[in-house]
């Protein structure tokens, strides 16, 4: 697969992952039964697996790796924060109030990852 095709796959998965998170967050807020549907629990794992696989492929093809490139290290740290915060927001928070409290920070972590990717700067707002 060419670098450009892999990059398009990666960016598409980033958008799908973010939109899926926002939709599941909305469903959590509105107590929608769709949040517990089988596809709602399965599809995000498929998208995120493709996202991670394409990220690894891009890193290999470009020769840029976390801990060697500061911006990729920042993206990795942001990703870990997003995973933990998102998990608390959608699943692991013990109450709806706790899950709501994690929803915005998880969204901000996602926005940080995207901004680092676009600017290739660990502190994209500087």
PDB file of N, CA and C in Angstrom:
ATOM      1  N   UNK A   1       0.853  -1.175   0.000  1.00  0.00           N
ATOM      2  CA  UNK A   1       0.000   0.000   0.000  1.00  0.00           C
ATOM      3  C   UNK A   1       0.899   1.238   0.000  1.00  0.00           C
ATOM      4  N   UNK A   2       0.542   2.211  -0.806  1.00  0.00           N
ATOM      5  CA  UNK A   2       1.359   3.414  -0.911  1.00  0.00           C
ATOM      6  C   UNK A   2       1.193   4.281   0.338  1.00  0.00           C
ATOM      7  N   UNK A   3       2.177   5.150   0.558  1.00  0.00           N
ATOM      8  CA  UNK A   3       2.140   6.057   1.700  1.00  0.00           C
ATOM      9  C   UNK A   3       0.880   6.920   1.661  1.00  0.00           C
ATOM     10  N   UNK A   4       0.553   7.461   0.494  1.00  0.00           N
ATOM     11  CA  UNK A   4      -0.599   8.341   0.371  1.00  0.00           C
ATOM     12  C   UNK A   4      -1.909   7.607   0.681  1.00  0.00           C
ATOM     13  N   UNK A   5      -2.047   6.384   0.194  1.00  0.00           N
ATOM     14  CA  UNK A   5      -3.254   5.598   0.480  1.00  0.00           C
ATOM     15  C   UNK A   5      -3.356   5.290   1.973  1.00  0.00           C
ATOM     16  N   UNK A   6      -2.227   4.966   2.573  1.00  0.00           N
ATOM     17  CA  UNK A   6      -2.206   4.676   4.005  1.00  0.00           C
ATOM     18  C   UNK A   6      -2.547   5.925   4.825  1.00  0.00           C
ATOM     19  N   UNK A   7      -2.050   7.072   4.376  1.00  0.00           N
ATOM     20  CA  UNK A   7      -2.360   8.326   5.069  1.00  0.00           C
ATOM     21  C   UNK A   7      -3.853   8.640   4.964  1.00  0.00           C
ATOM     22  N   UNK A   8      -4.443   8.427   3.805  1.00  0.00           N
ATOM     23  CA  UNK A   8      -5.883   8.655   3.636  1.00  0.00           C
ATOM     24  C   UNK A   8      -6.699   7.707   4.528  1.00  0.00           C
ATOM     25  N   UNK A   9      -6.276   6.456   4.615  1.00  0.00           N
ATOM     26  CA  UNK A   9      -6.939   5.506   5.502  1.00  0.00           C
ATOM     27  C   UNK A   9      -6.841   5.982   6.948  1.00  0.00           C
ATOM     28  N   UNK A  10      -5.646   6.430   7.347  1.00  0.00           N
ATOM     29  CA  UNK A  10      -5.417   6.898   8.714  1.00  0.00           C
ATOM     30  C   UNK A  10      -6.296   8.103   9.042  1.00  0.00           C
ATOM     31  N   UNK A  11      -6.307   9.088   8.164  1.00  0.00           N
ATOM     32  CA  UNK A  11      -7.103  10.297   8.399  1.00  0.00           C
ATOM     33  C   UNK A  11      -8.591   9.957   8.428  1.00  0.00           C
ATOM     34  N   UNK A  12      -9.026   9.080   7.554  1.00  0.00           N
ATOM     35  CA  UNK A  12     -10.436   8.657   7.554  1.00  0.00           C
ATOM     36  C   UNK A  12     -10.796   7.985   8.880  1.00  0.00           C
ATOM     37  N   UNK A  13      -9.906   7.146   9.374  1.00  0.00           N
ATOM     38  CA  UNK A  13     -10.157   6.472  10.646  1.00  0.00           C
ATOM     39  C   UNK A  13     -10.138   7.458  11.815  1.00  0.00           C
ATOM     40  N   UNK A  14      -9.294   8.475  11.742  1.00  0.00           N
ATOM     41  CA  UNK A  14      -9.273   9.521  12.773  1.00  0.00           C
ATOM     42  C   UNK A  14     -10.636  10.205  12.833  1.00  0.00           C
ATOM     43  N   UNK A  15     -11.160  10.574  11.677  1.00  0.00           N
ATOM     44  CA  UNK A  15     -12.469  11.242  11.621  1.00  0.00           C
ATOM     45  C   UNK A  15     -13.572  10.306  12.117  1.00  0.00           C
ATOM     46  N   UNK A  16     -13.559   9.057  11.655  1.00  0.00           N
ATOM     47  CA  UNK A  16     -14.571   8.095  12.092  1.00  0.00           C
ATOM     48  C   UNK A  16     -14.492   7.846  13.601  1.00  0.00           C
ATOM     49  N   UNK A  17     -13.292   7.758  14.118  1.00  0.00           N
ATOM     50  CA  UNK A  17     -13.113   7.524  15.547  1.00  0.00           C
ATOM     51  C   UNK A  17     -13.638   8.703  16.362  1.00  0.00           C
ATOM     52  N   UNK A  18     -13.307   9.912  15.955  1.00  0.00           N
ATOM     53  CA  UNK A  18     -13.771  11.100  16.666  1.00  0.00           C
ATOM     54  C   UNK A  18     -15.277  11.266  16.588  1.00  0.00           C
ATOM     55  N   UNK A  19     -15.839  11.071  15.405  1.00  0.00           N
ATOM     56  CA  UNK A  19     -17.296  11.178  15.247  1.00  0.00           C
ATOM     57  C   UNK A  19     -18.005  10.085  16.030  1.00  0.00           C
ATOM     58  N   UNK A  20     -17.446   8.894  16.010  1.00  0.00           N
ATOM     59  CA  UNK A  20     -18.032   7.789  16.767  1.00  0.00           C
ATOM     60  C   UNK A  20     -18.006   8.058  18.260  1.00  0.00           C
ATOM     61  N   UNK A  21     -16.903   8.617  18.744  1.00  0.00           N
ATOM     62  CA  UNK A  21     -16.821   8.960  20.165  1.00  0.00           C
ATOM     63  C   UNK A  21     -17.861  10.015  20.521  1.00  0.00           C
ATOM     64  N   UNK A  22     -17.965  11.051  19.691  1.00  0.00           N
ATOM     65  CA  UNK A  22     -18.941  12.117  19.947  1.00  0.00           C
ATOM     66  C   UNK A  22     -20.369  11.564  19.941  1.00  0.00           C
ATOM     67  N   UNK A  23     -20.668  10.691  18.991  1.00  0.00           N
ATOM     68  CA  UNK A  23     -22.003  10.109  18.907  1.00  0.00           C
ATOM     69  C   UNK A  23     -22.301   9.242  20.129  1.00  0.00           C
ATOM     70  N   UNK A  24     -21.340   8.409  20.518  1.00  0.00           N
ATOM     71  CA  UNK A  24     -21.547   7.567  21.694  1.00  0.00           C
ATOM     72  C   UNK A  24     -21.655   8.419  22.955  1.00  0.00           C
ATOM     73  N   UNK A  25     -20.909   9.528  22.991  1.00  0.00           N
ATOM     74  CA  UNK A  25     -21.044  10.454  24.115  1.00  0.00           C
ATOM     75  C   UNK A  25     -22.438  11.058  24.178  1.00  0.00           C
ATOM     76  N   UNK A  26     -22.963  11.450  23.013  1.00  0.00           N
ATOM     77  CA  UNK A  26     -24.325  11.993  22.951  1.00  0.00           C
ATOM     78  C   UNK A  26     -25.339  10.941  23.399  1.00  0.00           C
ATOM     79  N   UNK A  27     -25.158   9.719  22.931  1.00  0.00           N
ATOM     80  CA  UNK A  27     -26.062   8.650  23.334  1.00  0.00           C
ATOM     81  C   UNK A  27     -25.978   8.383  24.834  1.00  0.00           C
ATOM     82  N   UNK A  28     -24.793   8.511  25.413  1.00  0.00           N
ATOM     83  CA  UNK A  28     -24.648   8.319  26.848  1.00  0.00           C
ATOM     84  C   UNK A  28     -25.390   9.424  27.593  1.00  0.00           C
ATOM     85  N   UNK A  29     -25.225  10.664  27.146  1.00  0.00           N
ATOM     86  CA  UNK A  29     -25.887  11.797  27.790  1.00  0.00           C
ATOM     87  C   UNK A  29     -27.410  11.647  27.714  1.00  0.00           C
ATOM     88  N   UNK A  30     -27.902  11.211  26.559  1.00  0.00           N
ATOM     89  CA  UNK A  30     -29.353  11.119  26.349  1.00  0.00           C
ATOM     90  C   UNK A  30     -29.938   9.759  26.740  1.00  0.00           C
ATOM     91  N   UNK A  31     -29.133   8.901  27.342  1.00  0.00           N
ATOM     92  CA  UNK A  31     -29.581   7.564  27.772  1.00  0.00           C
ATOM     93  C   UNK A  31     -30.192   6.758  26.629  1.00  0.00           C
ATOM     94  N   UNK A  32     -29.602   6.841  25.450  1.00  0.00           N
ATOM     95  CA  UNK A  32     -30.115   6.123  24.293  1.00  0.00           C
ATOM     96  C   UNK A  32     -29.796   4.629  24.403  1.00  0.00           C
ATOM     97  N   UNK A  33     -30.758   3.783  24.062  1.00  0.00           N
ATOM     98  CA  UNK A  33     -30.481   2.344  24.047  1.00  0.00           C
ATOM     99  C   UNK A  33     -29.492   1.956  22.938  1.00  0.00           C
ATOM    100  N   UNK A  34     -29.285   2.840  21.976  1.00  0.00           N
ATOM    101  CA  UNK A  34     -28.328   2.552  20.897  1.00  0.00           C
ATOM    102  C   UNK A  34     -26.898   2.390  21.422  1.00  0.00           C
ATOM    103  N   UNK A  35     -26.612   2.979  22.583  1.00  0.00           N
ATOM    104  CA  UNK A  35     -25.279   2.866  23.168  1.00  0.00           C
ATOM    105  C   UNK A  35     -24.933   1.421  23.507  1.00  0.00           C
ATOM    106  N   UNK A  36     -25.951   0.588  23.711  1.00  0.00           N
ATOM    107  CA  UNK A  36     -25.720  -0.801  24.111  1.00  0.00           C
ATOM    108  C   UNK A  36     -25.921  -1.782  22.956  1.00  0.00           C
ATOM    109  N   UNK A  37     -26.107  -1.253  21.758  1.00  0.00           N
ATOM    110  CA  UNK A  37     -26.280  -2.103  20.581  1.00  0.00           C
ATOM    111  C   UNK A  37     -24.964  -2.813  20.270  1.00  0.00           C
ATOM    112  N   UNK A  38     -25.045  -3.991  19.699  1.00  0.00           N
ATOM    113  CA  UNK A  38     -23.851  -4.793  19.402  1.00  0.00           C
ATOM    114  C   UNK A  38     -22.877  -4.042  18.488  1.00  0.00           C
ATOM    115  N   UNK A  39     -23.376  -3.397  17.433  1.00  0.00           N
ATOM    116  CA  UNK A  39     -22.495  -2.682  16.503  1.00  0.00           C
ATOM    117  C   UNK A  39     -21.811  -1.498  17.189  1.00  0.00           C
ATOM    118  N   UNK A  40     -22.491  -0.867  18.121  1.00  0.00           N
ATOM    119  CA  UNK A  40     -21.927   0.269  18.842  1.00  0.00           C
ATOM    120  C   UNK A  40     -20.758  -0.168  19.705  1.00  0.00           C
ATOM    121  N   UNK A  41     -20.799  -1.402  20.160  1.00  0.00           N
ATOM    122  CA  UNK A  41     -19.700  -1.921  20.977  1.00  0.00           C
ATOM    123  C   UNK A  41     -18.580  -2.514  20.121  1.00  0.00           C
ATOM    124  N   UNK A  42     -18.880  -2.937  18.888  1.00  0.00           N
ATOM    125  CA  UNK A  42     -17.909  -3.629  18.048  1.00  0.00           C
ATOM    126  C   UNK A  42     -17.194  -2.707  17.065  1.00  0.00           C
ATOM    127  N   UNK A  43     -17.940  -1.855  16.381  1.00  0.00           N
ATOM    128  CA  UNK A  43     -17.380  -1.021  15.317  1.00  0.00           C
ATOM    129  C   UNK A  43     -16.224  -0.115  15.770  1.00  0.00           C
ATOM    130  N   UNK A  44     -16.299   0.516  16.948  1.00  0.00           N
ATOM    131  CA  UNK A  44     -15.165   1.351  17.357  1.00  0.00           C
ATOM    132  C   UNK A  44     -13.851   0.577  17.460  1.00  0.00           C
ATOM    133  N   UNK A  45     -13.919  -0.681  17.855  1.00  0.00           N
ATOM    134  CA  UNK A  45     -12.695  -1.488  17.943  1.00  0.00           C
ATOM    135  C   UNK A  45     -12.104  -1.747  16.554  1.00  0.00           C
ATOM    136  N   UNK A  46     -12.957  -1.983  15.576  1.00  0.00           N
ATOM    137  CA  UNK A  46     -12.499  -2.182  14.207  1.00  0.00           C
ATOM    138  C   UNK A  46     -11.843  -0.908  13.671  1.00  0.00           C
ATOM    139  N   UNK A  47     -12.514   0.228  13.854  1.00  0.00           N
ATOM    140  CA  UNK A  47     -11.977   1.511  13.374  1.00  0.00           C
ATOM    141  C   UNK A  47     -10.651   1.820  14.065  1.00  0.00           C
ATOM    142  N   UNK A  48     -10.597   1.636  15.383  1.00  0.00           N
ATOM    143  CA  UNK A  48      -9.377   1.958  16.123  1.00  0.00           C
ATOM    144  C   UNK A  48      -8.234   1.003  15.797  1.00  0.00           C
ATOM    145  N   UNK A  49      -8.557  -0.235  15.471  1.00  0.00           N
ATOM    146  CA  UNK A  49      -7.516  -1.180  15.042  1.00  0.00           C
ATOM    147  C   UNK A  49      -6.929  -0.744  13.702  1.00  0.00           C
ATOM    148  N   UNK A  50      -7.789  -0.351  12.767  1.00  0.00           N
ATOM    149  CA  UNK A  50      -7.309   0.171  11.479  1.00  0.00           C
ATOM    150  C   UNK A  50      -6.511   1.462  11.679  1.00  0.00           C
ATOM    151  N   UNK A  51      -6.955   2.296  12.600  1.00  0.00           N
ATOM    152  CA  UNK A  51      -6.266   3.543  12.902  1.00  0.00           C
ATOM    153  C   UNK A  51      -4.862   3.272  13.425  1.00  0.00           C
ATOM    154  N   UNK A  52      -4.740   2.368  14.375  1.00  0.00           N
ATOM    155  CA  UNK A  52      -3.430   2.032  14.937  1.00  0.00           C
ATOM    156  C   UNK A  52      -2.548   1.350  13.898  1.00  0.00           C
ATOM    157  N   UNK A  53      -3.116   0.431  13.136  1.00  0.00           N
ATOM    158  CA  UNK A  53      -2.329  -0.249  12.098  1.00  0.00           C
ATOM    159  C   UNK A  53      -1.815   0.714  11.046  1.00  0.00           C
ATOM    160  N   UNK A  54      -2.665   1.646  10.625  1.00  0.00           N
ATOM    161  CA  UNK A  54      -2.223   2.623   9.626  1.00  0.00           C
ATOM    162  C   UNK A  54      -1.176   3.568  10.217  1.00  0.00           C
ATOM    163  N   UNK A  55      -1.303   3.895  11.503  1.00  0.00           N
ATOM    164  CA  UNK A  55      -0.297   4.745  12.156  1.00  0.00           C
ATOM    165  C   UNK A  55       1.057   4.044  12.190  1.00  0.00           C
ATOM    166  N   UNK A  56       1.050   2.763  12.519  1.00  0.00           N
ATOM    167  CA  UNK A  56       2.306   2.008  12.533  1.00  0.00           C
ATOM    168  C   UNK A  56       2.912   1.914  11.136  1.00  0.00           C
ATOM    169  N   UNK A  57       2.057   1.695  10.138  1.00  0.00           N
ATOM    170  CA  UNK A  57       2.536   1.649   8.756  1.00  0.00           C
ATOM    171  C   UNK A  57       3.122   2.975   8.306  1.00  0.00           C
ATOM    172  N   UNK A  58       2.458   4.074   8.669  1.00  0.00           N
ATOM    173  CA  UNK A  58       2.978   5.402   8.317  1.00  0.00           C
ATOM    174  C   UNK A  58       4.306   5.672   8.996  1.00  0.00           C
ATOM    175  N   UNK A  59       4.422   5.282  10.260  1.00  0.00           N
ATOM    176  CA  UNK A  59       5.685   5.481  10.983  1.00  0.00           C
ATOM    177  C   UNK A  59       6.811   4.698  10.304  1.00  0.00           C
ATOM    178  N   UNK A  60       6.509   3.470   9.913  1.00  0.00           N
ATOM    179  CA  UNK A  60       7.517   2.646   9.250  1.00  0.00           C
ATOM    180  C   UNK A  60       7.921   3.240   7.898  1.00  0.00           C
ATOM    181  N   UNK A  61       6.930   3.586   7.087  1.00  0.00           N
ATOM    182  CA  UNK A  61       7.223   4.106   5.746  1.00  0.00           C
ATOM    183  C   UNK A  61       7.928   5.464   5.772  1.00  0.00           C
ATOM    184  N   UNK A  62       7.604   6.285   6.771  1.00  0.00           N
ATOM    185  CA  UNK A  62       8.216   7.616   6.835  1.00  0.00           C
ATOM    186  C   UNK A  62       9.522   7.621   7.613  1.00  0.00           C
ATOM    187  N   UNK A  63       9.776   6.566   8.368  1.00  0.00           N
ATOM    188  CA  UNK A  63      10.986   6.516   9.182  1.00  0.00           C
ATOM    189  C   UNK A  63      10.925   7.442  10.387  1.00  0.00           C
ATOM    190  N   UNK A  64       9.729   7.828  10.797  1.00  0.00           N
ATOM    191  CA  UNK A  64       9.547   8.692  11.971  1.00  0.00           C
ATOM    192  C   UNK A  64       8.902   7.867  13.076  1.00  0.00           C
ATOM    193  N   UNK A  65       9.518   7.910  14.256  1.00  0.00           N
ATOM    194  CA  UNK A  65       9.053   7.066  15.339  1.00  0.00           C
ATOM    195  C   UNK A  65       8.893   7.877  16.621  1.00  0.00           C
ATOM    196  N   UNK A  66       7.939   7.462  17.481  1.00  0.00           N
ATOM    197  CA  UNK A  66       7.839   8.115  18.793  1.00  0.00           C
ATOM    198  C   UNK A  66       9.158   7.978  19.553  1.00  0.00           C
ATOM    199  N   UNK A  67       9.425   8.909  20.400  1.00  0.00           N
ATOM    200  CA  UNK A  67      10.636   9.008  21.220  1.00  0.00           C
ATOM    201  C   UNK A  67      11.840   9.455  20.408  1.00  0.00           C
ATOM    202  N   UNK A  68      11.746   9.413  19.073  1.00  0.00           N
ATOM    203  CA  UNK A  68      12.779  10.000  18.218  1.00  0.00           C
ATOM    204  C   UNK A  68      12.278  11.341  17.682  1.00  0.00           C
ATOM    205  N   UNK A  69      10.979  11.457  17.500  1.00  0.00           N
ATOM    206  CA  UNK A  69      10.329  12.681  17.038  1.00  0.00           C
ATOM    207  C   UNK A  69       9.441  13.188  18.176  1.00  0.00           C
ATOM    208  N   UNK A  70       9.674  14.415  18.618  1.00  0.00           N
ATOM    209  CA  UNK A  70       8.925  14.957  19.739  1.00  0.00           C
ATOM    210  C   UNK A  70       7.429  15.016  19.512  1.00  0.00           C
ATOM    211  N   UNK A  71       7.032  15.380  18.298  1.00  0.00           N
ATOM    212  CA  UNK A  71       5.599  15.503  18.032  1.00  0.00           C
ATOM    213  C   UNK A  71       4.907  14.150  18.045  1.00  0.00           C
ATOM    214  N   UNK A  72       5.597  13.098  17.592  1.00  0.00           N
ATOM    215  CA  UNK A  72       5.002  11.763  17.646  1.00  0.00           C
ATOM    216  C   UNK A  72       4.919  11.251  19.084  1.00  0.00           C
ATOM    217  N   UNK A  73       5.901  11.608  19.896  1.00  0.00           N
ATOM    218  CA  UNK A  73       5.835  11.262  21.317  1.00  0.00           C
ATOM    219  C   UNK A  73       4.651  11.961  21.970  1.00  0.00           C
ATOM    220  N   UNK A  74       4.427  13.225  21.599  1.00  0.00           N
ATOM    221  CA  UNK A  74       3.290  13.979  22.139  1.00  0.00           C
ATOM    222  C   UNK A  74       1.972  13.355  21.692  1.00  0.00           C
ATOM    223  N   UNK A  75       1.896  12.909  20.430  1.00  0.00           N
ATOM    224  CA  UNK A  75       0.679  12.245  19.946  1.00  0.00           C
ATOM    225  C   UNK A  75       0.432  10.950  20.715  1.00  0.00           C
ATOM    226  N   UNK A  76       1.483  10.204  20.972  1.00  0.00           N
ATOM    227  CA  UNK A  76       1.347   8.953  21.715  1.00  0.00           C
ATOM    228  C   UNK A  76       0.865   9.228  23.143  1.00  0.00           C
ATOM    229  N   UNK A  77       1.431  10.232  23.790  1.00  0.00           N
ATOM    230  CA  UNK A  77       0.981  10.589  25.143  1.00  0.00           C
ATOM    231  C   UNK A  77      -0.481  11.051  25.114  1.00  0.00           C
ATOM    232  N   UNK A  78      -0.834  11.850  24.109  1.00  0.00           N
ATOM    233  CA  UNK A  78      -2.219  12.284  23.964  1.00  0.00           C
ATOM    234  C   UNK A  78      -3.155  11.116  23.718  1.00  0.00           C
ATOM    235  N   UNK A  79      -2.694  10.147  22.933  1.00  0.00           N
ATOM    236  CA  UNK A  79      -3.500   8.962  22.656  1.00  0.00           C
ATOM    237  C   UNK A  79      -3.762   8.168  23.931  1.00  0.00           C
ATOM    238  N   UNK A  80      -2.734   7.995  24.738  1.00  0.00           N
ATOM    239  CA  UNK A  80      -2.916   7.267  25.995  1.00  0.00           C
ATOM    240  C   UNK A  80      -3.903   8.000  26.902  1.00  0.00           C
ATOM    241  N   UNK A  81      -3.793   9.328  26.971  1.00  0.00           N
ATOM    242  CA  UNK A  81      -4.743  10.120  27.765  1.00  0.00           C
ATOM    243  C   UNK A  81      -6.152   9.967  27.200  1.00  0.00           C
ATOM    244  N   UNK A  82      -6.299  10.029  25.885  1.00  0.00           N
ATOM    245  CA  UNK A  82      -7.602   9.894  25.234  1.00  0.00           C
ATOM    246  C   UNK A  82      -8.228   8.533  25.522  1.00  0.00           C
ATOM    247  N   UNK A  83      -7.437   7.492  25.484  1.00  0.00           N
ATOM    248  CA  UNK A  83      -7.945   6.148  25.753  1.00  0.00           C
ATOM    249  C   UNK A  83      -8.464   6.052  27.187  1.00  0.00           C
ATOM    250  N   UNK A  84      -7.682   6.534  28.141  1.00  0.00           N
ATOM    251  CA  UNK A  84      -8.095   6.456  29.549  1.00  0.00           C
ATOM    252  C   UNK A  84      -9.321   7.332  29.798  1.00  0.00           C
ATOM    253  N   UNK A  85      -9.266   8.585  29.332  1.00  0.00           N
ATOM    254  CA  UNK A  85     -10.381   9.511  29.557  1.00  0.00           C
ATOM    255  C   UNK A  85     -11.648   9.044  28.836  1.00  0.00           C
ATOM    256  N   UNK A  86     -11.489   8.587  27.596  1.00  0.00           N
ATOM    257  CA  UNK A  86     -12.633   8.103  26.834  1.00  0.00           C
ATOM    258  C   UNK A  86     -13.257   6.868  27.452  1.00  0.00           C
ATOM    259  N   UNK A  87     -12.425   5.987  27.955  1.00  0.00           N
ATOM    260  CA  UNK A  87     -12.929   4.791  28.624  1.00  0.00           C
ATOM    261  C   UNK A  87     -13.721   5.165  29.874  1.00  0.00           C
ATOM    262  N   UNK A  88     -13.224   6.123  30.625  1.00  0.00           N
ATOM    263  CA  UNK A  88     -13.956   6.587  31.813  1.00  0.00           C
ATOM    264  C   UNK A  88     -15.262   7.271  31.404  1.00  0.00           C
ATOM    265  N   UNK A  89     -15.238   8.002  30.301  1.00  0.00           N
ATOM    266  CA  UNK A  89     -16.419   8.744  29.861  1.00  0.00           C
ATOM    267  C   UNK A  89     -17.517   7.831  29.338  1.00  0.00           C
ATOM    268  N   UNK A  90     -17.166   6.772  28.666  1.00  0.00           N
ATOM    269  CA  UNK A  90     -18.189   5.953  28.015  1.00  0.00           C
ATOM    270  C   UNK A  90     -18.501   4.638  28.719  1.00  0.00           C
ATOM    271  N   UNK A  91     -17.593   4.174  29.555  1.00  0.00           N
ATOM    272  CA  UNK A  91     -17.814   2.839  30.088  1.00  0.00           C
ATOM    273  C   UNK A  91     -17.477   2.702  31.567  1.00  0.00           C
ATOM    274  N   UNK A  92     -16.313   3.133  31.962  1.00  0.00           N
ATOM    275  CA  UNK A  92     -15.798   2.777  33.274  1.00  0.00           C
ATOM    276  C   UNK A  92     -16.206   3.716  34.411  1.00  0.00           C
ATOM    277  N   UNK A  93     -16.723   4.897  34.072  1.00  0.00           N
ATOM    278  CA  UNK A  93     -17.187   5.797  35.118  1.00  0.00           C
ATOM    279  C   UNK A  93     -18.342   5.163  35.870  1.00  0.00           C
ATOM    280  N   UNK A  94     -18.289   5.199  37.197  1.00  0.00           N
ATOM    281  CA  UNK A  94     -19.282   4.486  38.010  1.00  0.00           C
ATOM    282  C   UNK A  94     -20.670   5.103  37.952  1.00  0.00           C
ATOM    283  N   UNK A  95     -20.734   6.382  37.714  1.00  0.00           N
ATOM    284  CA  UNK A  95     -22.043   7.043  37.631  1.00  0.00           C
ATOM    285  C   UNK A  95     -22.081   7.914  36.379  1.00  0.00           C
ATOM    286  N   UNK A  96     -23.285   8.314  36.015  1.00  0.00           N
ATOM    287  CA  UNK A  96     -23.427   9.165  34.845  1.00  0.00           C
ATOM    288  C   UNK A  96     -22.720  10.501  35.064  1.00  0.00           C
ATOM    289  N   UNK A  97     -22.759  11.023  36.281  1.00  0.00           N
ATOM    290  CA  UNK A  97     -22.083  12.290  36.587  1.00  0.00           C
ATOM    291  C   UNK A  97     -20.571  12.165  36.387  1.00  0.00           C
ATOM    292  N   UNK A  98     -20.007  11.061  36.805  1.00  0.00           N
ATOM    293  CA  UNK A  98     -18.563  10.842  36.618  1.00  0.00           C
ATOM    294  C   UNK A  98     -18.248  10.708  35.135  1.00  0.00           C
ATOM    295  N   UNK A  99     -19.070   9.953  34.408  1.00  0.00           N
ATOM    296  CA  UNK A  99     -18.847   9.788  32.960  1.00  0.00           C
ATOM    297  C   UNK A  99     -18.936  11.138  32.254  1.00  0.00           C
ATOM    298  N   UNK A 100     -19.907  11.961  32.640  1.00  0.00           N
ATOM    299  CA  UNK A 100     -20.033  13.297  32.045  1.00  0.00           C
ATOM    300  C   UNK A 100     -18.792  14.141  32.328  1.00  0.00           C
ATOM    301  N   UNK A 101     -18.237  13.991  33.514  1.00  0.00           N
ATOM    302  CA  UNK A 101     -17.040  14.746  33.876  1.00  0.00           C
ATOM    303  C   UNK A 101     -15.820  14.386  33.038  1.00  0.00           C
ATOM    304  N   UNK A 102     -15.784  13.199  32.508  1.00  0.00           N
ATOM    305  CA  UNK A 102     -14.665  12.758  31.679  1.00  0.00           C
ATOM    306  C   UNK A 102     -14.892  13.015  30.193  1.00  0.00           C
ATOM    307  N   UNK A 103     -16.122  13.321  29.805  1.00  0.00           N
ATOM    308  CA  UNK A 103     -16.444  13.477  28.385  1.00  0.00           C
ATOM    309  C   UNK A 103     -15.693  14.650  27.749  1.00  0.00           C
ATOM    310  N   UNK A 104     -15.726  15.811  28.362  1.00  0.00           N
ATOM    311  CA  UNK A 104     -15.034  16.981  27.800  1.00  0.00           C
ATOM    312  C   UNK A 104     -13.517  16.804  27.780  1.00  0.00           C
ATOM    313  N   UNK A 105     -12.879  16.368  28.876  1.00  0.00           N
ATOM    314  CA  UNK A 105     -11.426  16.147  28.807  1.00  0.00           C
ATOM    315  C   UNK A 105     -11.020  15.141  27.726  1.00  0.00           C
ATOM    316  N   UNK A 106     -11.842  14.110  27.511  1.00  0.00           N
ATOM    317  CA  UNK A 106     -11.536  13.139  26.450  1.00  0.00           C
ATOM    318  C   UNK A 106     -11.617  13.817  25.088  1.00  0.00           C
ATOM    319  N   UNK A 107     -12.632  14.644  24.881  1.00  0.00           N
ATOM    320  CA  UNK A 107     -12.748  15.389  23.627  1.00  0.00           C
ATOM    321  C   UNK A 107     -11.588  16.347  23.423  1.00  0.00           C
ATOM    322  N   UNK A 108     -11.135  16.970  24.496  1.00  0.00           N
ATOM    323  CA  UNK A 108      -9.978  17.876  24.408  1.00  0.00           C
ATOM    324  C   UNK A 108      -8.700  17.102  24.083  1.00  0.00           C
ATOM    325  N   UNK A 109      -8.567  15.892  24.626  1.00  0.00           N
ATOM    326  CA  UNK A 109      -7.401  15.057  24.301  1.00  0.00           C
ATOM    327  C   UNK A 109      -7.414  14.696  22.816  1.00  0.00           C
ATOM    328  N   UNK A 110      -8.585  14.371  22.289  1.00  0.00           N
ATOM    329  CA  UNK A 110      -8.714  14.080  20.859  1.00  0.00           C
ATOM    330  C   UNK A 110      -8.307  15.304  20.033  1.00  0.00           C
ATOM    331  N   UNK A 111      -8.812  16.469  20.417  1.00  0.00           N
ATOM    332  CA  UNK A 111      -8.477  17.708  19.698  1.00  0.00           C
ATOM    333  C   UNK A 111      -6.978  17.989  19.765  1.00  0.00           C
ATOM    334  N   UNK A 112      -6.364  17.709  20.903  1.00  0.00           N
ATOM    335  CA  UNK A 112      -4.918  17.899  21.038  1.00  0.00           C
ATOM    336  C   UNK A 112      -4.157  16.987  20.076  1.00  0.00           C
ATOM    337  N   UNK A 113      -4.554  15.737  20.009  1.00  0.00           N
ATOM    338  CA  UNK A 113      -3.882  14.784  19.114  1.00  0.00           C
ATOM    339  C   UNK A 113      -3.971  15.263  17.672  1.00  0.00           C
ATOM    340  N   UNK A 114      -5.160  15.696  17.258  1.00  0.00           N
ATOM    341  CA  UNK A 114      -5.345  16.169  15.884  1.00  0.00           C
ATOM    342  C   UNK A 114      -4.505  17.417  15.632  1.00  0.00           C
ATOM    343  N   UNK A 115      -4.472  18.340  16.595  1.00  0.00           N
ATOM    344  CA  UNK A 115      -3.703  19.572  16.394  1.00  0.00           C
ATOM    345  C   UNK A 115      -2.205  19.293  16.335  1.00  0.00           C
ATOM    346  N   UNK A 116      -1.732  18.353  17.126  1.00  0.00           N
ATOM    347  CA  UNK A 116      -0.314  17.968  17.054  1.00  0.00           C
ATOM    348  C   UNK A 116      -0.011  17.348  15.693  1.00  0.00           C
ATOM    349  N   UNK A 117      -0.925  16.519  15.199  1.00  0.00           N
ATOM    350  CA  UNK A 117      -0.711  15.891  13.895  1.00  0.00           C
ATOM    351  C   UNK A 117      -0.664  16.928  12.781  1.00  0.00           C
ATOM    352  N   UNK A 118      -1.518  17.940  12.871  1.00  0.00           N
ATOM    353  CA  UNK A 118      -1.561  18.950  11.813  1.00  0.00           C
ATOM    354  C   UNK A 118      -0.371  19.897  11.847  1.00  0.00           C
ATOM    355  N   UNK A 119       0.103  20.227  13.040  1.00  0.00           N
ATOM    356  CA  UNK A 119       1.198  21.207  13.160  1.00  0.00           C
ATOM    357  C   UNK A 119       2.574  20.558  13.287  1.00  0.00           C
ATOM    358  N   UNK A 120       2.580  19.277  13.663  1.00  0.00           N
ATOM    359  CA  UNK A 120       3.823  18.553  13.962  1.00  0.00           C
ATOM    360  C   UNK A 120       4.643  19.280  15.024  1.00  0.00           C
ATOM    361  N   UNK A 121       3.926  19.808  15.998  1.00  0.00           N
ATOM    362  CA  UNK A 121       4.530  20.487  17.141  1.00  0.00           C
ATOM    363  C   UNK A 121       3.935  19.902  18.415  1.00  0.00           C
ATOM    364  N   UNK A 122       4.751  19.544  19.416  1.00  0.00           N
ATOM    365  CA  UNK A 122       4.207  19.015  20.663  1.00  0.00           C
ATOM    366  C   UNK A 122       3.289  20.003  21.388  1.00  0.00           C
ATOM    367  N   UNK A 123       3.548  21.297  21.216  1.00  0.00           N
ATOM    368  CA  UNK A 123       2.709  22.345  21.782  1.00  0.00           C
ATOM    369  C   UNK A 123       2.145  23.155  20.617  1.00  0.00           C
ATOM    370  N   UNK A 124       1.069  22.683  20.007  1.00  0.00           N
ATOM    371  CA  UNK A 124       0.587  23.280  18.766  1.00  0.00           C
ATOM    372  C   UNK A 124       0.029  24.692  18.911  1.00  0.00           C
ATOM    373  N   UNK A 125      -0.254  25.126  20.129  1.00  0.00           N
ATOM    374  CA  UNK A 125      -0.835  26.444  20.334  1.00  0.00           C
ATOM    375  C   UNK A 125       0.229  27.523  20.493  1.00  0.00           C
ATOM    376  N   UNK A 126       1.516  27.149  20.445  1.00  0.00           N
ATOM    377  CA  UNK A 126       2.598  28.142  20.600  1.00  0.00           C
ATOM    378  C   UNK A 126       3.082  28.641  19.253  1.00  0.00           C
TER     379      UNK A 126
END
